[in-house]
């Protein structure tokens, strides 16, 4: 059976399908429930589905076949739905290829289900190496301010399939999409799509930057109304120029400077629209002020411009853009000031999981005790350290790939002290306690202690949330 059999046709009969769902996380469980409700035989596979496990019991209670025998499940499958993050070279993926079992991702399953349901939500899709959650939650806030029934979904933590299957349909879905989610995107037709930026990340998964970039570019394919790029990020314009979009789809730019025709930009602290008004050749429409944002860092403003463009493409009034930005609150672990103690500022940017994100953090401060390291995911740190060298007072390293950070500092900032606090025998709490004790010794009045690791966290912490939460808790505990 080829993937072409699984089109957006409402005639697709799920009740005759035997579907293997690879992954029992948020995405996998949502897909399994949705397809089981439609009569499919659902077999969930995951390494956590061992005999007697709570996860296995949960799945079986829901009526799924569930185990950790990934390869055995594929033999009788008519279709496999894979959760984001499963590598293309994983044994179960190779088995599906050998057995010619078609493989879909959640994006295409959600699109098929929406088409089968009838008139569904408008899809506004957004990707980028950094800033995705900020921009997509801004878009959600603007849509809600406009009175739209809207929801931010996808990589932001809410399942797309679950949103599509909601009892009361949504009018608009703002989708934050990772390169993993886009890797298998073949069907969706977004109303508007945006690429915030593209910099090397997850190269260990994709193989090289060209493959990573190609998967990011998939978000633009078949877009019907507007593709949005950043003037300050030339690669995003290049992707749009190369994309196979629908006839009539417009390229809309955003810029931190004065907007040209067809752009949204900033003049004297005002966000101005020269893209979506009929008289845009003659004048710009004021959408909001930079002062409407609780965080006025350059990268936050840039995210606000992209969110504004996505939402304006749907005809939302300028007043809702302003109110949405006023209502928006930053997500945790993104340039969050934890405390200022003895004139030293402690900042949690644990979400800076790659060098591109960490660069924005490091550029925001002048005297930095930098906490860095973790899983590099194939990234390099030379350019990052070169740009930040003059701002660094000390560098505290931890994590599996910390030696790569140390080497970059030795090459490009040889006079900056580097302190290795990692100890494989330490748990997460003790490790972070050691980090903070060393940071306190090196910081002086006026310094910023910055947790912006430029690496993923799963080697020493459960995730970046735990890493940031422990940082904040221990800083505050030491204050009292």
Protein backbone atom coordinates (compact mmCIF):
# COMPACT_ATOMS: atom_id res chain seq x y z
CA UNK A 1 0.00 0.00 0.00
CA UNK A 2 1.47 3.39 -0.94
CA UNK A 3 1.23 6.64 0.98
CA UNK A 4 -0.89 7.97 -1.87
CA UNK A 5 -3.73 5.76 -0.59
CA UNK A 6 -3.89 7.97 2.49
CA UNK A 7 -5.08 11.23 1.00
CA UNK A 8 -7.35 13.90 2.42
CA UNK A 9 -10.33 12.15 0.87
CA UNK A 10 -13.27 11.92 3.29
CA UNK A 11 -13.83 8.41 1.90
CA UNK A 12 -10.85 6.97 3.79
CA UNK A 13 -12.25 4.22 6.02
CA UNK A 14 -10.28 4.01 9.25
CA UNK A 15 -12.31 1.03 10.45
CA UNK A 16 -10.47 -1.33 8.10
CA UNK A 17 -7.00 -0.05 9.08
CA UNK A 18 -4.57 -1.77 11.44
CA UNK A 19 -2.49 1.17 12.63
CA UNK A 20 0.80 1.04 14.49
CA UNK A 21 1.33 4.20 16.53
CA UNK A 22 5.02 4.64 17.32
CA UNK A 23 5.35 6.52 20.59
CA UNK A 24 3.14 6.68 23.68
CA UNK A 25 3.65 10.31 24.59
CA UNK A 26 1.31 13.29 24.11
CA UNK A 27 1.17 12.88 20.34
CA UNK A 28 0.98 9.10 20.22
CA UNK A 29 -1.82 8.79 22.73
CA UNK A 30 -3.87 11.52 21.04
CA UNK A 31 -3.50 9.82 17.64
CA UNK A 32 -4.33 6.41 19.10
CA UNK A 33 -7.51 7.68 20.76
CA UNK A 34 -8.65 9.55 17.63
CA UNK A 35 -8.17 6.58 15.30
CA UNK A 36 -9.62 4.05 17.74
CA UNK A 37 -12.78 6.16 17.98
CA UNK A 38 -13.04 5.80 14.22
CA UNK A 39 -12.85 2.03 14.40
CA UNK A 40 -9.20 1.42 13.60
CA UNK A 41 -7.30 -1.39 15.28
CA UNK A 42 -4.56 0.49 17.13
CA UNK A 43 -1.27 -1.02 18.24
CA UNK A 44 0.88 1.38 20.29
CA UNK A 45 4.60 0.63 20.54
CA UNK A 46 7.08 2.32 22.84
CA UNK A 47 10.10 1.21 24.84
CA UNK A 48 8.23 2.28 27.98
CA UNK A 49 5.43 -0.23 27.36
CA UNK A 50 7.06 -3.06 29.26
CA UNK A 51 4.98 -5.78 30.97
CA UNK A 52 3.44 -4.42 34.16
CA UNK A 53 4.25 -0.77 33.43
CA UNK A 54 1.71 1.93 34.27
CA UNK A 55 1.93 3.21 30.70
CA UNK A 56 1.05 -0.23 29.29
CA UNK A 57 -1.90 -0.50 31.67
CA UNK A 58 -3.12 2.97 30.65
CA UNK A 59 -3.02 2.10 26.96
CA UNK A 60 -4.71 -1.25 27.38
CA UNK A 61 -7.46 0.33 29.48
CA UNK A 62 -8.09 2.65 26.53
CA UNK A 63 -8.50 -0.37 24.26
CA UNK A 64 -5.16 -0.33 22.46
CA UNK A 65 -2.78 -3.20 21.88
CA UNK A 66 0.36 -1.94 23.63
CA UNK A 67 3.89 -3.31 24.04
CA UNK A 68 7.56 -2.66 23.45
CA UNK A 69 7.84 -5.08 20.49
CA UNK A 70 8.24 -2.38 17.87
CA UNK A 71 9.34 -4.63 15.01
CA UNK A 72 6.74 -7.36 15.57
CA UNK A 73 3.90 -4.85 15.45
CA UNK A 74 4.77 -3.64 11.96
CA UNK A 75 4.37 -7.02 10.30
CA UNK A 76 0.56 -6.90 10.20
CA UNK A 77 0.18 -3.11 9.95
CA UNK A 78 -1.57 -1.33 7.09
CA UNK A 79 -0.27 2.06 8.31
CA UNK A 80 2.17 3.45 10.83
CA UNK A 81 1.88 6.86 12.49
CA UNK A 82 5.16 8.01 13.99
CA UNK A 83 5.53 10.52 16.81
CA UNK A 84 8.00 13.42 16.40
CA UNK A 85 11.60 12.63 17.26
CA UNK A 86 11.69 9.02 16.05
CA UNK A 87 14.77 8.91 13.85
CA UNK A 88 14.35 7.90 10.21
CA UNK A 89 17.02 5.23 10.72
CA UNK A 90 15.31 3.67 13.75
CA UNK A 91 14.78 -0.10 13.31
CA UNK A 92 11.00 0.23 13.32
CA UNK A 93 11.20 2.80 10.52
CA UNK A 94 13.47 0.55 8.50
CA UNK A 95 11.08 -2.34 9.06
CA UNK A 96 8.15 -0.27 7.76
CA UNK A 97 10.18 0.63 4.69
CA UNK A 98 11.11 -3.00 4.03
CA UNK A 99 7.52 -4.18 4.46
CA UNK A 100 6.19 -1.22 2.42
CA UNK A 101 4.01 -0.02 5.27
CA UNK A 102 3.15 3.65 4.68
CA UNK A 103 4.32 6.00 7.43
CA UNK A 104 2.58 9.25 8.32
CA UNK A 105 3.27 11.90 10.93
CA UNK A 106 0.75 13.58 13.21
CA UNK A 107 0.49 16.61 10.91
CA UNK A 108 -0.92 14.63 8.02
CA UNK A 109 -3.19 12.53 10.23
CA UNK A 110 -4.60 15.71 11.74
CA UNK A 111 -5.12 17.24 8.30
CA UNK A 112 -6.94 14.13 7.04
CA UNK A 113 -9.19 14.06 10.12
CA UNK A 114 -10.04 17.73 9.71
CA UNK A 115 -10.98 17.25 6.06
CA UNK A 116 -13.13 14.26 6.95
CA UNK A 117 -14.89 16.26 9.64
CA UNK A 118 -15.85 18.93 7.14
CA UNK A 119 -15.15 22.65 7.43
CA UNK A 120 -12.40 22.98 9.99
CA UNK A 121 -10.03 25.46 11.52
CA UNK A 122 -7.78 27.83 9.60
CA UNK A 123 -4.19 26.66 10.05
CA UNK A 124 -1.49 29.25 10.77
CA UNK A 125 1.83 27.39 10.86
CA UNK A 126 5.16 28.56 12.21
CA UNK A 127 8.64 27.12 12.56
CA UNK A 128 12.18 28.25 13.26
CA UNK A 129 15.25 27.22 15.15
CA UNK A 130 14.38 29.63 17.95
CA UNK A 131 11.44 31.75 19.06
CA UNK A 132 8.66 29.38 17.99
CA UNK A 133 6.80 29.17 21.28
CA UNK A 134 7.05 32.91 21.87
CA UNK A 135 5.64 33.74 18.45
CA UNK A 136 2.91 31.12 18.42
CA UNK A 137 1.63 32.07 21.89
CA UNK A 138 1.63 35.72 20.80
CA UNK A 139 -0.47 34.76 17.79
CA UNK A 140 -2.87 32.84 20.04
CA UNK A 141 -3.18 35.87 22.34
CA UNK A 142 -3.99 38.17 19.41
CA UNK A 143 -6.60 35.78 18.02
CA UNK A 144 -8.27 35.45 21.41
CA UNK A 145 -8.28 39.26 21.76
CA UNK A 146 -10.10 39.35 18.41
CA UNK A 147 -12.78 37.03 19.77
CA UNK A 148 -11.71 34.04 17.70
CA UNK A 149 -11.94 30.55 19.14
CA UNK A 150 -8.23 29.79 18.75
CA UNK A 151 -5.54 27.56 20.22
CA UNK A 152 -1.76 27.24 20.01
CA UNK A 153 -0.87 23.60 19.35
CA UNK A 154 1.92 21.33 18.17
CA UNK A 155 5.42 21.61 19.57
CA UNK A 156 4.06 24.00 22.19
CA UNK A 157 2.81 20.91 24.02
CA UNK A 158 -0.80 20.46 22.88
CA UNK A 159 -1.60 17.75 20.37
CA UNK A 160 -2.75 18.87 16.92
CA UNK A 161 -4.95 15.80 16.51
CA UNK A 162 -6.64 16.45 19.84
CA UNK A 163 -7.38 20.05 18.82
CA UNK A 164 -8.78 18.99 15.43
CA UNK A 165 -10.96 16.42 17.20
CA UNK A 166 -12.31 18.83 19.84
CA UNK A 167 -16.04 18.56 20.43
CA UNK A 168 -16.47 22.29 19.79
CA UNK A 169 -14.40 23.07 16.68
CA UNK A 170 -11.75 25.78 16.77
CA UNK A 171 -11.85 28.62 14.25
CA UNK A 172 -8.06 29.03 14.06
CA UNK A 173 -5.16 26.83 15.08
CA UNK A 174 -1.72 28.39 15.52
CA UNK A 175 0.70 25.52 14.98
CA UNK A 176 4.24 25.53 16.34
CA UNK A 177 6.08 22.94 14.25
CA UNK A 178 9.49 21.40 14.82
CA UNK A 179 11.74 19.98 12.12
CA UNK A 180 10.81 16.51 13.43
CA UNK A 181 7.10 17.17 12.89
CA UNK A 182 7.70 18.63 9.44
CA UNK A 183 9.92 15.77 8.31
CA UNK A 184 6.88 13.73 7.23
CA UNK A 185 4.58 16.53 6.14
CA UNK A 186 3.04 15.70 2.76
CA UNK A 187 -0.57 16.89 2.83
CA UNK A 188 -1.33 19.96 4.93
CA UNK A 189 -2.28 23.23 3.24
CA UNK A 190 -1.75 26.09 5.70
CA UNK A 191 -3.59 29.36 5.21
CA UNK A 192 -0.44 31.22 6.26
CA UNK A 193 3.01 29.96 7.23
CA UNK A 194 6.14 31.54 8.68
CA UNK A 195 9.80 30.68 9.14
CA UNK A 196 11.40 32.69 11.95
CA UNK A 197 15.02 31.69 11.42
CA UNK A 198 17.11 28.67 10.46
CA UNK A 199 20.44 27.92 12.13
CA UNK A 200 22.25 24.61 12.70
CA UNK A 201 20.43 22.43 15.25
CA UNK A 202 19.53 18.75 15.67
CA UNK A 203 22.23 17.84 13.15
CA UNK A 204 22.71 14.54 14.96
CA UNK A 205 19.12 13.66 13.95
CA UNK A 206 18.93 15.16 10.45
CA UNK A 207 22.46 14.28 9.40
CA UNK A 208 23.52 17.70 8.13
CA UNK A 209 22.36 21.30 7.89
CA UNK A 210 21.01 20.89 4.35
CA UNK A 211 18.60 18.17 5.49
CA UNK A 212 17.55 20.18 8.55
CA UNK A 213 16.91 23.25 6.39
CA UNK A 214 14.93 21.17 3.87
CA UNK A 215 12.63 19.85 6.61
CA UNK A 216 12.06 23.38 7.94
CA UNK A 217 11.14 24.48 4.40
CA UNK A 218 8.33 21.90 4.24
CA UNK A 219 6.14 24.24 6.29
CA UNK A 220 5.79 26.54 3.28
CA UNK A 221 4.63 23.91 0.79
CA UNK A 222 1.04 24.31 -0.41
CA UNK A 223 0.47 27.51 1.64
CA UNK A 224 -2.58 29.25 0.22
CA UNK A 225 -2.51 32.90 1.37
CA UNK A 226 0.72 34.24 2.93
CA UNK A 227 4.28 33.07 3.53
CA UNK A 228 6.13 35.20 6.07
CA UNK A 229 9.87 35.77 6.22
CA UNK A 230 12.28 38.02 8.15
CA UNK A 231 14.33 40.65 6.36
CA UNK A 232 17.09 40.20 8.95
CA UNK A 233 17.21 36.45 8.25
CA UNK A 234 17.97 36.13 4.49
CA UNK A 235 17.67 32.35 4.52
CA UNK A 236 13.95 32.65 5.32
CA UNK A 237 13.36 34.66 2.14
CA UNK A 238 15.36 32.12 0.15
CA UNK A 239 13.15 29.31 1.41
CA UNK A 240 10.02 31.17 0.32
CA UNK A 241 11.47 31.87 -3.12
CA UNK A 242 12.10 28.15 -3.54
CA UNK A 243 8.80 26.91 -2.07
CA UNK A 244 5.97 25.38 -4.09
CA UNK A 245 3.08 27.48 -2.75
CA UNK A 246 -0.44 27.87 -4.10
CA UNK A 247 -1.19 30.42 -6.82
CA UNK A 248 -1.89 33.84 -5.32
CA UNK A 249 0.07 33.21 -2.11
CA UNK A 250 1.91 36.38 -1.07
CA UNK A 251 5.39 36.76 0.43
CA UNK A 252 5.17 39.04 3.48
CA UNK A 253 8.30 40.40 5.12
CA UNK A 254 8.95 41.59 8.65
CA UNK A 255 11.77 43.90 9.72
CA UNK A 256 13.00 45.63 12.84
CA UNK A 257 13.48 48.69 10.63
CA UNK A 258 11.23 50.82 8.44
CA UNK A 259 8.81 48.54 6.54
CA UNK A 260 8.83 48.53 2.76
CA UNK A 261 5.68 47.77 0.75
CA UNK A 262 4.51 44.29 1.71
CA UNK A 263 6.22 44.33 5.11
CA UNK A 264 5.47 44.85 8.80
CA UNK A 265 8.17 46.83 10.61
CA UNK A 266 9.06 49.27 13.36
CA UNK A 267 9.32 53.07 13.22
CA UNK A 268 9.91 55.21 16.33
CA UNK A 269 8.75 52.42 18.62
CA UNK A 270 5.57 51.71 16.64
CA UNK A 271 4.75 48.43 14.87
CA UNK A 272 3.47 49.42 11.43
CA UNK A 273 1.71 47.35 8.76
CA UNK A 274 2.34 47.96 5.05
CA UNK A 275 1.26 44.46 4.03
CA UNK A 276 -2.42 43.85 4.73
CA UNK A 277 -4.25 47.15 4.17
CA UNK A 278 -5.77 48.07 0.80
CA UNK A 279 -4.06 51.47 0.85
CA UNK A 280 -0.65 50.05 1.84
CA UNK A 281 1.05 51.88 -1.04
CA UNK A 282 0.04 55.20 0.48
CA UNK A 283 0.37 54.66 4.21
CA UNK A 284 1.20 52.29 7.05
CA UNK A 285 -1.33 51.18 9.65
CA UNK A 286 -0.30 51.27 13.30
CA UNK A 287 -0.77 47.88 14.95
CA UNK A 288 0.85 48.36 18.36
CA UNK A 289 3.75 49.90 20.18
CA UNK A 290 6.94 48.19 21.24
CA UNK A 291 6.00 49.39 24.72
CA UNK A 292 2.97 47.08 24.63
CA UNK A 293 5.37 44.16 25.10
CA UNK A 294 6.42 43.14 28.59
CA UNK A 295 9.79 42.07 27.11
CA UNK A 296 11.29 44.51 24.62
CA UNK A 297 14.41 42.58 23.59
CA UNK A 298 15.07 42.68 19.84
CA UNK A 299 14.34 38.99 19.32
CA UNK A 300 11.02 39.32 21.18
CA UNK A 301 10.00 42.25 18.98
CA UNK A 302 10.95 40.23 15.90
CA UNK A 303 8.72 37.38 17.10
CA UNK A 304 5.87 39.85 17.67
CA UNK A 305 6.19 41.06 14.07
CA UNK A 306 5.91 37.53 12.71
CA UNK A 307 2.94 36.74 14.94
CA UNK A 308 1.27 39.98 13.82
CA UNK A 309 1.74 39.05 10.17
CA UNK A 310 0.28 35.57 10.64
CA UNK A 311 -2.76 36.92 12.44
CA UNK A 312 -3.29 39.90 10.13
CA UNK A 313 -3.43 37.48 7.20
CA UNK A 314 -6.77 36.28 8.62
CA UNK A 315 -8.26 39.80 8.67
CA UNK A 316 -7.90 40.49 12.40
CA UNK A 317 -8.32 44.16 13.33
CA UNK A 318 -5.23 46.15 14.43
CA UNK A 319 -6.77 46.77 17.85
CA UNK A 320 -6.64 43.03 18.59
CA UNK A 321 -2.93 42.94 17.71
CA UNK A 322 -2.23 45.59 20.33
CA UNK A 323 -4.43 43.99 22.97
CA UNK A 324 -2.99 40.55 22.26
CA UNK A 325 0.55 41.81 22.78
CA UNK A 326 -0.47 43.52 26.01
CA UNK A 327 -2.11 40.31 27.25
CA UNK A 328 0.78 38.04 26.26
CA UNK A 329 3.06 36.67 28.97
CA UNK A 330 6.47 35.08 28.28
CA UNK A 331 6.73 31.33 28.71
CA UNK A 332 8.93 30.01 31.54
CA UNK A 333 12.70 29.61 31.14
CA UNK A 334 13.02 32.19 28.39
CA UNK A 335 15.19 35.11 29.53
CA UNK A 336 13.45 35.11 32.90
CA UNK A 337 15.02 37.29 35.58
CA UNK A 338 14.96 35.08 38.66
CA UNK A 339 16.39 37.56 41.16
CA UNK A 340 18.85 40.37 41.71
CA UNK A 341 20.99 39.64 44.76
CA UNK A 342 23.80 41.93 45.94
CA UNK A 343 23.62 43.70 42.55
CA UNK A 344 24.07 40.41 40.65
CA UNK A 345 21.24 39.48 38.27
CA UNK A 346 20.36 35.81 37.82
CA UNK A 347 18.71 34.97 34.48
CA UNK A 348 17.08 31.67 33.49
CA UNK A 349 17.21 31.06 29.75
CA UNK A 350 17.28 27.28 29.98
CA UNK A 351 15.25 27.15 26.73
CA UNK A 352 18.40 28.32 24.91
CA UNK A 353 19.17 24.78 23.79
CA UNK A 354 21.36 25.66 20.80
CA UNK A 355 24.03 28.24 19.95
CA UNK A 356 21.65 30.42 17.91
CA UNK A 357 19.36 30.87 20.92
CA UNK A 358 22.25 31.39 23.33
CA UNK A 359 23.70 34.10 21.09
CA UNK A 360 20.62 36.27 21.60
CA UNK A 361 20.91 35.80 25.37
CA UNK A 362 24.61 36.59 25.52
CA UNK A 363 24.14 39.70 23.38
CA UNK A 364 21.71 41.10 25.96
CA UNK A 365 24.22 41.58 28.80
CA UNK A 366 27.65 43.14 29.25
CA UNK A 367 29.29 41.27 32.15
CA UNK A 368 28.36 37.60 32.17
CA UNK A 369 29.03 34.50 34.20
CA UNK A 370 27.85 32.03 31.61
CA UNK A 371 26.50 28.55 32.45
CA UNK A 372 26.85 26.34 29.37
CA UNK A 373 26.94 22.76 28.17
CA UNK A 374 24.83 19.64 27.81
CA UNK A 375 24.01 17.72 24.63
CA UNK A 376 25.39 19.64 21.63
CA UNK A 377 23.27 17.79 19.01
CA UNK A 378 26.03 18.26 16.44
CA UNK A 379 26.35 22.02 16.98
CA UNK A 380 29.59 24.02 17.11
CA UNK A 381 30.40 26.88 19.48
CA UNK A 382 33.25 28.86 17.91
CA UNK A 383 31.14 31.64 16.40
CA UNK A 384 29.06 31.93 19.56
CA UNK A 385 32.09 32.34 21.80
CA UNK A 386 33.82 34.72 19.39
CA UNK A 387 30.87 37.10 19.45
CA UNK A 388 30.45 36.91 23.22
CA UNK A 389 34.11 36.85 24.28
CA UNK A 390 34.31 40.48 25.40
CA UNK A 391 31.26 40.04 27.65
CA UNK A 392 32.39 36.92 29.48
CA UNK A 393 33.66 37.13 33.04
CA UNK A 394 33.67 33.36 33.58
CA UNK A 395 32.24 30.22 32.00
CA UNK A 396 30.84 27.35 34.07
CA UNK A 397 30.46 24.13 32.08
CA UNK A 398 28.50 20.94 32.66
CA UNK A 399 27.07 18.10 30.63
CA UNK A 400 28.16 15.43 28.18
CA UNK A 401 29.53 17.76 25.49
CA UNK A 402 31.02 20.41 27.78
CA UNK A 403 34.52 19.81 26.40
CA UNK A 404 33.37 21.30 23.08
CA UNK A 405 32.38 24.51 24.88
CA UNK A 406 35.67 24.53 26.80
CA UNK A 407 37.66 24.14 23.58
CA UNK A 408 35.83 27.03 21.93
CA UNK A 409 36.47 29.28 24.94
CA UNK A 410 40.15 28.32 24.98
CA UNK A 411 40.44 29.24 21.30
CA UNK A 412 38.51 32.50 21.28
CA UNK A 413 38.51 33.80 24.88
CA UNK A 414 41.68 32.34 26.40
CA UNK A 415 41.77 34.78 29.33
CA UNK A 416 38.28 33.86 30.56
CA UNK A 417 38.23 31.39 33.48
CA UNK A 418 36.49 28.09 32.68
CA UNK A 419 35.22 26.00 35.59
CA UNK A 420 34.07 22.42 35.05
CA UNK A 421 31.54 21.50 37.74
CA UNK A 422 30.20 18.32 36.19
CA UNK A 423 30.25 15.12 38.17
CA UNK A 424 28.50 12.10 36.72
CA UNK A 425 27.76 10.85 40.22
CA UNK A 426 25.84 14.01 41.13
CA UNK A 427 22.11 14.10 40.64
CA UNK A 428 20.41 17.06 39.02
CA UNK A 429 19.87 18.95 42.28
CA UNK A 430 23.45 18.60 43.53
CA UNK A 431 24.83 19.46 40.12
CA UNK A 432 22.84 22.69 39.92
CA UNK A 433 23.77 23.53 43.50
CA UNK A 434 27.45 23.25 42.51
CA UNK A 435 26.85 25.44 39.46
CA UNK A 436 25.30 28.20 41.54
CA UNK A 437 27.96 28.09 44.25
CA UNK A 438 30.69 28.58 41.65
CA UNK A 439 28.71 31.32 39.91
CA UNK A 440 28.36 33.26 43.17
CA UNK A 441 32.14 33.20 43.66
CA UNK A 442 32.85 34.63 40.21
CA UNK A 443 30.09 37.22 39.89
CA UNK A 444 30.66 40.84 40.99
CA UNK A 445 28.21 43.72 41.40
CA UNK A 446 26.84 44.47 37.94
CA UNK A 447 27.32 40.91 36.66
CA UNK A 448 24.64 38.70 35.15
CA UNK A 449 24.70 34.99 35.90
CA UNK A 450 23.18 33.58 32.74
CA UNK A 451 21.86 30.04 32.32
CA UNK A 452 21.85 29.86 28.52
CA UNK A 453 23.45 26.45 27.94
CA UNK A 454 23.41 26.38 24.10
CA UNK A 455 22.77 22.64 24.50
CA UNK A 456 19.95 20.25 25.23
CA UNK A 457 19.46 19.09 28.79
CA UNK A 458 18.51 15.42 28.78
CA UNK A 459 21.95 14.13 29.74
CA UNK A 460 21.83 15.58 33.26
CA UNK A 461 18.21 16.75 33.65
CA UNK A 462 14.77 15.47 32.69
CA UNK A 463 14.33 18.39 30.27
CA UNK A 464 15.05 22.11 29.98
CA UNK A 465 12.11 22.83 32.31
CA UNK A 466 13.72 20.90 35.15
CA UNK A 467 17.09 22.51 34.44
CA UNK A 468 15.60 26.01 34.62
CA UNK A 469 13.35 25.24 37.56
CA UNK A 470 16.22 23.92 39.66
CA UNK A 471 18.32 26.95 38.77
CA UNK A 472 15.55 29.32 39.89
CA UNK A 473 14.70 27.38 43.05
CA UNK A 474 18.29 27.15 44.26
CA UNK A 475 19.02 30.80 43.49
CA UNK A 476 15.97 31.85 45.52
CA UNK A 477 16.81 29.42 48.33
CA UNK A 478 20.29 30.90 48.60
CA UNK A 479 18.77 34.38 48.77
CA UNK A 480 16.73 33.59 51.87
